[in-house]
Amino acid sequence: MTGTDTICQFVDTIVDEYITTKKKIRVDFFKYLQSEDIDRKSINEYTSDRIHFITEVIDEVEGALNGDKILSEAYGCYKTSELRELKSLLDRFVNDVEKYKNSKKITRRKKVKSPEQLTRALNLIDKPVIIEGEKYNPIPKVEIIDAKSVFLINVKTNELLFLSGKKLSCSGAKIVNYDEGISGMKKIKKIDETIKSVLSSTNITCSTLFNNFPNKVKPVPKTVSPNYFLIRLIK
């Protein structure tokens, strides 16, 4: 006997018992399906090809309860309370079948990308640079993932890019998940002094530090230029 046949036989037995006794039947259809270990193929087949026999009966009973003349005559051997109980029984069966079907769905886990994968398309300067006679080693770009704040300097335009948020990430050549209200870009003149200030910043002071730098705040560029150098990162 297939799993689909097992379900059909069981619900037929329950309905026949109710029709014979007209007494309330306490049954947990979901637990029954679990106990029989009905597989995904069988429950899907039942809901696709067989359950309509039960839903049609539900529609008929509902029609009788609503006063349909033909259906009221067809179910005339039942009291109104007995019809309600029959409908309730069948509704519970249909709901538990759908619940069991959903429990058998294959949940495809979303692949979690590594920091290396997330930052692959983000091209930053990855070699030491000399600025005003001082040598600075870049922070590896993978460290951006889940950082709270970052400072980057464009070595060609002398622009300081500040990005801050709860958990920064990367998408292509973009750094994402930053708060637009506190992030931005500024043109800097005294680059050596700016770098020293940035390197001493903390999670508490970094936003205030950026705002206190002279010059107007510009919007964050849509993508990060390869001319940027990751100078400071705060986790």
C-alpha atoms as a PDB file:
ATOM      1  CA  MET A   1       0.000   0.000   0.000  1.00  0.00           C
ATOM      2  CA  THR A   2       1.365   3.411  -0.933  1.00  0.00           C
ATOM      3  CA  GLY A   3       1.528   6.356   1.444  1.00  0.00           C
ATOM      4  CA  THR A   4      -1.268   8.043  -0.511  1.00  0.00           C
ATOM      5  CA  ASP A   5      -3.492   4.948  -0.142  1.00  0.00           C
ATOM      6  CA  THR A   6      -2.731   4.883   3.587  1.00  0.00           C
ATOM      7  CA  ILE A   7      -4.015   8.449   3.979  1.00  0.00           C
ATOM      8  CA  CYS A   8      -7.155   7.705   1.944  1.00  0.00           C
ATOM      9  CA  GLN A   9      -7.932   4.579   3.933  1.00  0.00           C
ATOM     10  CA  PHE A  10      -7.436   6.354   7.255  1.00  0.00           C
ATOM     11  CA  VAL A  11      -9.639   9.367   6.509  1.00  0.00           C
ATOM     12  CA  ASP A  12     -12.337   7.091   5.033  1.00  0.00           C
ATOM     13  CA  THR A  13     -12.302   5.051   8.242  1.00  0.00           C
ATOM     14  CA  ILE A  14     -12.642   8.188  10.388  1.00  0.00           C
ATOM     15  CA  VAL A  15     -15.494   9.585   8.271  1.00  0.00           C
ATOM     16  CA  ASP A  16     -17.312   6.226   8.251  1.00  0.00           C
ATOM     17  CA  GLU A  17     -17.005   6.059  12.029  1.00  0.00           C
ATOM     18  CA  TYR A  18     -18.523   9.518  12.405  1.00  0.00           C
ATOM     19  CA  ILE A  19     -21.338   8.778   9.957  1.00  0.00           C
ATOM     20  CA  THR A  20     -22.165   5.621  11.927  1.00  0.00           C
ATOM     21  CA  THR A  21     -21.901   6.983  15.475  1.00  0.00           C
ATOM     22  CA  LYS A  22     -22.421  10.726  14.922  1.00  0.00           C
ATOM     23  CA  LYS A  23     -20.177  11.178  17.938  1.00  0.00           C
ATOM     24  CA  LYS A  24     -17.284  13.591  18.229  1.00  0.00           C
ATOM     25  CA  ILE A  25     -13.999  11.963  17.243  1.00  0.00           C
ATOM     26  CA  ARG A  26     -10.824  13.107  18.915  1.00  0.00           C
ATOM     27  CA  VAL A  27      -7.972  12.527  16.506  1.00  0.00           C
ATOM     28  CA  ASP A  28      -4.765  14.373  15.719  1.00  0.00           C
ATOM     29  CA  PHE A  29      -4.328  13.908  11.990  1.00  0.00           C
ATOM     30  CA  PHE A  30      -0.910  15.526  11.960  1.00  0.00           C
ATOM     31  CA  LYS A  31       0.445  13.099  14.563  1.00  0.00           C
ATOM     32  CA  TYR A  32      -1.077  10.194  12.652  1.00  0.00           C
ATOM     33  CA  LEU A  33       0.730  11.231   9.471  1.00  0.00           C
ATOM     34  CA  GLN A  34       3.945  11.518  11.473  1.00  0.00           C
ATOM     35  CA  SER A  35       3.462   8.085  13.019  1.00  0.00           C
ATOM     36  CA  GLU A  36       3.015   6.544   9.565  1.00  0.00           C
ATOM     37  CA  ASP A  37       6.063   8.459   8.341  1.00  0.00           C
ATOM     38  CA  ILE A  38       4.265   9.545   5.189  1.00  0.00           C
ATOM     39  CA  ASP A  39       6.951  10.724   2.783  1.00  0.00           C
ATOM     40  CA  ARG A  40       7.070  14.000   0.854  1.00  0.00           C
ATOM     41  CA  LYS A  41       6.120  12.393  -2.457  1.00  0.00           C
ATOM     42  CA  SER A  42       3.023  10.742  -0.992  1.00  0.00           C
ATOM     43  CA  ILE A  43       1.715  13.822   0.822  1.00  0.00           C
ATOM     44  CA  ASN A  44       2.260  15.959  -2.276  1.00  0.00           C
ATOM     45  CA  GLU A  45       0.457  13.387  -4.415  1.00  0.00           C
ATOM     46  CA  TYR A  46      -2.439  13.256  -1.973  1.00  0.00           C
ATOM     47  CA  THR A  47      -2.888  17.038  -1.853  1.00  0.00           C
ATOM     48  CA  SER A  48      -2.681  17.226  -5.652  1.00  0.00           C
ATOM     49  CA  ASP A  49      -4.908  14.292  -6.652  1.00  0.00           C
ATOM     50  CA  ARG A  50      -6.999  13.062  -3.734  1.00  0.00           C
ATOM     51  CA  ILE A  51      -7.779  15.736  -1.175  1.00  0.00           C
ATOM     52  CA  HIS A  52     -10.432  17.262  -3.437  1.00  0.00           C
ATOM     53  CA  PHE A  53     -12.751  14.388  -2.450  1.00  0.00           C
ATOM     54  CA  ILE A  54     -12.711  15.711   1.111  1.00  0.00           C
ATOM     55  CA  THR A  55     -12.953  19.407   0.203  1.00  0.00           C
ATOM     56  CA  GLU A  56     -15.981  18.624  -1.985  1.00  0.00           C
ATOM     57  CA  VAL A  57     -17.724  17.044   1.010  1.00  0.00           C
ATOM     58  CA  ILE A  58     -16.852  20.110   3.093  1.00  0.00           C
ATOM     59  CA  ASP A  59     -18.445  22.342   0.448  1.00  0.00           C
ATOM     60  CA  GLU A  60     -21.580  20.175   0.426  1.00  0.00           C
ATOM     61  CA  VAL A  61     -21.906  20.218   4.206  1.00  0.00           C
ATOM     62  CA  GLU A  62     -21.385  23.976   4.248  1.00  0.00           C
ATOM     63  CA  GLY A  63     -24.068  24.345   1.590  1.00  0.00           C
ATOM     64  CA  ALA A  64     -26.487  22.269   3.694  1.00  0.00           C
ATOM     65  CA  LEU A  65     -25.726  24.415   6.745  1.00  0.00           C
ATOM     66  CA  ASN A  66     -26.391  27.546   4.683  1.00  0.00           C
ATOM     67  CA  GLY A  67     -29.805  26.297   3.639  1.00  0.00           C
ATOM     68  CA  ASP A  68     -29.235  24.940   0.124  1.00  0.00           C
ATOM     69  CA  LYS A  69     -32.460  23.023  -0.623  1.00  0.00           C
ATOM     70  CA  ILE A  70     -30.941  20.060  -2.458  1.00  0.00           C
ATOM     71  CA  LEU A  71     -28.002  19.675  -0.066  1.00  0.00           C
ATOM     72  CA  SER A  72     -30.247  20.090   2.989  1.00  0.00           C
ATOM     73  CA  GLU A  73     -32.343  17.169   1.740  1.00  0.00           C
ATOM     74  CA  ALA A  74     -29.222  15.112   0.967  1.00  0.00           C
ATOM     75  CA  TYR A  75     -27.937  15.614   4.519  1.00  0.00           C
ATOM     76  CA  GLY A  76     -31.377  15.572   6.113  1.00  0.00           C
ATOM     77  CA  CYS A  77     -30.465  12.647   8.378  1.00  0.00           C
ATOM     78  CA  TYR A  78     -28.094  14.927  10.303  1.00  0.00           C
ATOM     79  CA  LYS A  79     -28.909  17.490  12.928  1.00  0.00           C
ATOM     80  CA  THR A  80     -27.389  20.937  12.427  1.00  0.00           C
ATOM     81  CA  SER A  81     -24.979  20.335  15.313  1.00  0.00           C
ATOM     82  CA  GLU A  82     -23.896  17.029  13.731  1.00  0.00           C
ATOM     83  CA  LEU A  83     -23.234  18.716  10.387  1.00  0.00           C
ATOM     84  CA  ARG A  84     -21.138  21.360  12.100  1.00  0.00           C
ATOM     85  CA  GLU A  85     -19.134  18.656  13.845  1.00  0.00           C
ATOM     86  CA  LEU A  86     -18.608  16.785  10.546  1.00  0.00           C
ATOM     87  CA  LYS A  87     -17.409  19.963   8.870  1.00  0.00           C
ATOM     88  CA  SER A  88     -15.102  20.723  11.798  1.00  0.00           C
ATOM     89  CA  LEU A  89     -13.648  17.197  11.586  1.00  0.00           C
ATOM     90  CA  LEU A  90     -12.953  17.471   7.861  1.00  0.00           C
ATOM     91  CA  ASP A  91     -11.560  21.014   8.190  1.00  0.00           C
ATOM     92  CA  ARG A  92      -9.104  19.779  10.802  1.00  0.00           C
ATOM     93  CA  PHE A  93      -8.048  16.978   8.493  1.00  0.00           C
ATOM     94  CA  VAL A  94      -7.413  19.339   5.564  1.00  0.00           C
ATOM     95  CA  ASN A  95      -5.499  21.791   7.781  1.00  0.00           C
ATOM     96  CA  ASP A  96      -3.333  19.040   9.256  1.00  0.00           C
ATOM     97  CA  VAL A  97      -2.579  17.610   5.819  1.00  0.00           C
ATOM     98  CA  GLU A  98      -1.402  21.053   4.633  1.00  0.00           C
ATOM     99  CA  LYS A  99       0.593  21.486   7.825  1.00  0.00           C
ATOM    100  CA  TYR A 100       2.261  18.103   7.323  1.00  0.00           C
ATOM    101  CA  LYS A 101       2.944  18.873   3.670  1.00  0.00           C
ATOM    102  CA  ASN A 102       4.679  22.118   4.652  1.00  0.00           C
ATOM    103  CA  SER A 103       6.762  20.268   7.243  1.00  0.00           C
ATOM    104  CA  LYS A 104       8.065  18.017   4.488  1.00  0.00           C
ATOM    105  CA  LYS A 105       9.211  20.835   2.222  1.00  0.00           C
ATOM    106  CA  ILE A 106      12.884  20.908   1.431  1.00  0.00           C
ATOM    107  CA  THR A 107      14.338  24.081   2.885  1.00  0.00           C
ATOM    108  CA  ARG A 108      17.217  25.276   0.799  1.00  0.00           C
ATOM    109  CA  ARG A 109      19.734  27.036   2.970  1.00  0.00           C
ATOM    110  CA  LYS A 110      21.069  30.252   1.587  1.00  0.00           C
ATOM    111  CA  LYS A 111      24.769  29.946   1.002  1.00  0.00           C
ATOM    112  CA  VAL A 112      26.761  32.167   3.316  1.00  0.00           C
ATOM    113  CA  LYS A 113      29.536  33.939   1.470  1.00  0.00           C
ATOM    114  CA  SER A 114      32.936  34.255   3.067  1.00  0.00           C
ATOM    115  CA  PRO A 115      34.575  37.687   3.567  1.00  0.00           C
ATOM    116  CA  GLU A 116      36.910  36.805   0.692  1.00  0.00           C
ATOM    117  CA  GLN A 117      33.958  36.176  -1.621  1.00  0.00           C
ATOM    118  CA  LEU A 118      32.122  39.326  -0.521  1.00  0.00           C
ATOM    119  CA  THR A 119      35.137  41.568  -1.117  1.00  0.00           C
ATOM    120  CA  ARG A 120      36.400  39.919  -4.298  1.00  0.00           C
ATOM    121  CA  ALA A 121      35.177  42.703  -6.612  1.00  0.00           C
ATOM    122  CA  LEU A 122      36.190  45.516  -4.248  1.00  0.00           C
ATOM    123  CA  ASN A 123      39.509  46.805  -5.571  1.00  0.00           C
ATOM    124  CA  LEU A 124      41.474  48.816  -3.035  1.00  0.00           C
ATOM    125  CA  ILE A 125      45.162  49.632  -2.771  1.00  0.00           C
ATOM    126  CA  ASP A 126      46.677  46.573  -1.112  1.00  0.00           C
ATOM    127  CA  LYS A 127      50.317  47.646  -0.960  1.00  0.00           C
ATOM    128  CA  PRO A 128      52.055  50.085   1.425  1.00  0.00           C
ATOM    129  CA  VAL A 129      51.846  53.751   0.421  1.00  0.00           C
ATOM    130  CA  ILE A 130      54.065  56.694   1.253  1.00  0.00           C
ATOM    131  CA  ILE A 131      52.160  59.827   2.280  1.00  0.00           C
ATOM    132  CA  GLU A 132      54.083  62.949   3.313  1.00  0.00           C
ATOM    133  CA  GLY A 133      57.180  60.810   3.893  1.00  0.00           C
ATOM    134  CA  GLU A 134      55.329  58.334   6.136  1.00  0.00           C
ATOM    135  CA  LYS A 135      54.769  54.702   5.181  1.00  0.00           C
ATOM    136  CA  TYR A 136      51.309  53.261   5.807  1.00  0.00           C
ATOM    137  CA  ASN A 137      50.318  49.614   5.481  1.00  0.00           C
ATOM    138  CA  PRO A 138      46.751  49.014   4.244  1.00  0.00           C
ATOM    139  CA  ILE A 139      44.242  47.073   6.300  1.00  0.00           C
ATOM    140  CA  PRO A 140      43.119  43.927   4.418  1.00  0.00           C
ATOM    141  CA  LYS A 141      39.779  44.626   2.718  1.00  0.00           C
ATOM    142  CA  VAL A 142      38.215  41.429   4.124  1.00  0.00           C
ATOM    143  CA  GLU A 143      38.221  43.149   7.525  1.00  0.00           C
ATOM    144  CA  ILE A 144      35.460  45.479   6.271  1.00  0.00           C
ATOM    145  CA  ILE A 145      32.907  42.678   6.652  1.00  0.00           C
ATOM    146  CA  ASP A 146      30.920  43.239   9.886  1.00  0.00           C
ATOM    147  CA  ALA A 147      32.981  46.313  10.805  1.00  0.00           C
ATOM    148  CA  LYS A 148      31.144  49.271  12.351  1.00  0.00           C
ATOM    149  CA  SER A 149      33.141  52.086  10.781  1.00  0.00           C
ATOM    150  CA  VAL A 150      35.873  52.532   8.173  1.00  0.00           C
ATOM    151  CA  PHE A 151      38.015  55.396   6.915  1.00  0.00           C
ATOM    152  CA  LEU A 152      39.441  55.275   3.394  1.00  0.00           C
ATOM    153  CA  ILE A 153      41.675  57.812   1.677  1.00  0.00           C
ATOM    154  CA  ASN A 154      41.784  58.388  -2.062  1.00  0.00           C
ATOM    155  CA  VAL A 155      45.501  58.861  -2.695  1.00  0.00           C
ATOM    156  CA  LYS A 156      44.907  60.682  -5.990  1.00  0.00           C
ATOM    157  CA  THR A 157      42.171  63.146  -4.997  1.00  0.00           C
ATOM    158  CA  ASN A 158      42.948  63.463  -1.272  1.00  0.00           C
ATOM    159  CA  GLU A 159      39.367  62.626  -0.345  1.00  0.00           C
ATOM    160  CA  LEU A 160      38.455  60.988   2.938  1.00  0.00           C
ATOM    161  CA  LEU A 161      35.610  58.467   2.802  1.00  0.00           C
ATOM    162  CA  PHE A 162      33.891  57.647   6.092  1.00  0.00           C
ATOM    163  CA  LEU A 163      31.344  54.833   6.299  1.00  0.00           C
ATOM    164  CA  SER A 164      29.597  53.791   9.479  1.00  0.00           C
ATOM    165  CA  GLY A 165      26.813  51.336  10.273  1.00  0.00           C
ATOM    166  CA  LYS A 166      25.933  48.360  12.464  1.00  0.00           C
ATOM    167  CA  LYS A 167      27.530  45.748  10.188  1.00  0.00           C
ATOM    168  CA  LEU A 168      29.245  46.876   7.011  1.00  0.00           C
ATOM    169  CA  SER A 169      29.478  44.507   4.073  1.00  0.00           C
ATOM    170  CA  CYS A 170      30.368  44.513   0.378  1.00  0.00           C
ATOM    171  CA  SER A 171      28.430  43.966  -2.823  1.00  0.00           C
ATOM    172  CA  GLY A 172      30.515  44.100  -5.954  1.00  0.00           C
ATOM    173  CA  ALA A 173      32.599  47.286  -5.870  1.00  0.00           C
ATOM    174  CA  LYS A 174      30.356  48.808  -3.195  1.00  0.00           C
ATOM    175  CA  ILE A 175      30.594  48.949   0.565  1.00  0.00           C
ATOM    176  CA  VAL A 176      27.041  48.522   1.828  1.00  0.00           C
ATOM    177  CA  ASN A 177      24.910  48.622   4.988  1.00  0.00           C
ATOM    178  CA  TYR A 178      26.239  52.016   6.078  1.00  0.00           C
ATOM    179  CA  ASP A 179      24.088  54.733   7.628  1.00  0.00           C
ATOM    180  CA  GLU A 180      23.653  57.480   5.036  1.00  0.00           C
ATOM    181  CA  GLY A 181      22.885  59.985   7.775  1.00  0.00           C
ATOM    182  CA  ILE A 182      26.367  59.863   9.310  1.00  0.00           C
ATOM    183  CA  SER A 183      28.507  58.592   6.418  1.00  0.00           C
ATOM    184  CA  GLY A 184      30.055  60.747   3.713  1.00  0.00           C
ATOM    185  CA  MET A 185      33.138  62.015   1.930  1.00  0.00           C
ATOM    186  CA  LYS A 186      35.280  65.137   2.427  1.00  0.00           C
ATOM    187  CA  LYS A 187      38.142  66.777   0.569  1.00  0.00           C
ATOM    188  CA  ILE A 188      41.156  67.075   2.879  1.00  0.00           C
ATOM    189  CA  LYS A 189      44.123  69.442   2.752  1.00  0.00           C
ATOM    190  CA  LYS A 190      46.426  68.521   5.623  1.00  0.00           C
ATOM    191  CA  ILE A 191      46.489  64.833   4.821  1.00  0.00           C
ATOM    192  CA  ASP A 192      49.210  63.862   7.310  1.00  0.00           C
ATOM    193  CA  GLU A 193      47.386  65.508  10.239  1.00  0.00           C
ATOM    194  CA  THR A 194      44.110  63.991   9.096  1.00  0.00           C
ATOM    195  CA  ILE A 195      45.579  60.501   9.015  1.00  0.00           C
ATOM    196  CA  LYS A 196      47.011  60.877  12.534  1.00  0.00           C
ATOM    197  CA  SER A 197      43.586  61.971  13.823  1.00  0.00           C
ATOM    198  CA  VAL A 198      41.847  59.110  12.023  1.00  0.00           C
ATOM    199  CA  LEU A 199      44.273  56.520  13.405  1.00  0.00           C
ATOM    200  CA  SER A 200      43.512  57.664  16.952  1.00  0.00           C
ATOM    201  CA  SER A 201      39.725  57.541  16.497  1.00  0.00           C
ATOM    202  CA  THR A 202      37.444  55.125  18.371  1.00  0.00           C
ATOM    203  CA  ASN A 203      33.942  53.816  17.787  1.00  0.00           C
ATOM    204  CA  ILE A 204      32.618  56.618  20.005  1.00  0.00           C
ATOM    205  CA  THR A 205      34.628  59.468  18.489  1.00  0.00           C
ATOM    206  CA  CYS A 206      34.917  58.531  14.784  1.00  0.00           C
ATOM    207  CA  SER A 207      31.651  60.140  13.640  1.00  0.00           C
ATOM    208  CA  THR A 208      32.326  63.371  15.563  1.00  0.00           C
ATOM    209  CA  LEU A 209      35.895  63.393  14.267  1.00  0.00           C
ATOM    210  CA  PHE A 210      34.722  63.148  10.662  1.00  0.00           C
ATOM    211  CA  ASN A 211      32.153  65.925  11.120  1.00  0.00           C
ATOM    212  CA  ASN A 212      34.775  68.210  12.672  1.00  0.00           C
ATOM    213  CA  PHE A 213      37.057  67.994   9.672  1.00  0.00           C
ATOM    214  CA  PRO A 214      36.773  71.153   7.523  1.00  0.00           C
ATOM    215  CA  ASN A 215      35.005  71.223   4.162  1.00  0.00           C
ATOM    216  CA  LYS A 216      31.512  70.202   3.126  1.00  0.00           C
ATOM    217  CA  VAL A 217      30.340  66.613   3.380  1.00  0.00           C
ATOM    218  CA  LYS A 218      29.781  65.013  -0.022  1.00  0.00           C
ATOM    219  CA  PRO A 219      27.529  62.000  -0.692  1.00  0.00           C
ATOM    220  CA  VAL A 220      29.089  58.551  -0.585  1.00  0.00           C
ATOM    221  CA  PRO A 221      30.083  57.474  -4.131  1.00  0.00           C
ATOM    222  CA  LYS A 222      28.101  54.594  -5.620  1.00  0.00           C
ATOM    223  CA  THR A 223      31.245  52.506  -6.016  1.00  0.00           C
ATOM    224  CA  VAL A 224      34.627  52.653  -4.316  1.00  0.00           C
ATOM    225  CA  SER A 225      37.485  53.668  -6.594  1.00  0.00           C
ATOM    226  CA  PRO A 226      40.629  51.465  -6.780  1.00  0.00           C
ATOM    227  CA  ASN A 227      42.543  54.564  -5.664  1.00  0.00           C
ATOM    228  CA  TYR A 228      41.237  54.211  -2.123  1.00  0.00           C
ATOM    229  CA  PHE A 229      43.432  53.051   0.713  1.00  0.00           C
ATOM    230  CA  LEU A 230      41.835  51.494   3.838  1.00  0.00           C
ATOM    231  CA  ILE A 231      43.527  53.404   6.647  1.00  0.00           C
ATOM    232  CA  ARG A 232      41.323  52.805   9.698  1.00  0.00           C
ATOM    233  CA  LEU A 233      38.723  50.222  10.648  1.00  0.00           C
ATOM    234  CA  ILE A 234      36.667  49.912  13.804  1.00  0.00           C
ATOM    235  CA  LYS A 235      34.901  46.665  14.742  1.00  0.00           C
END
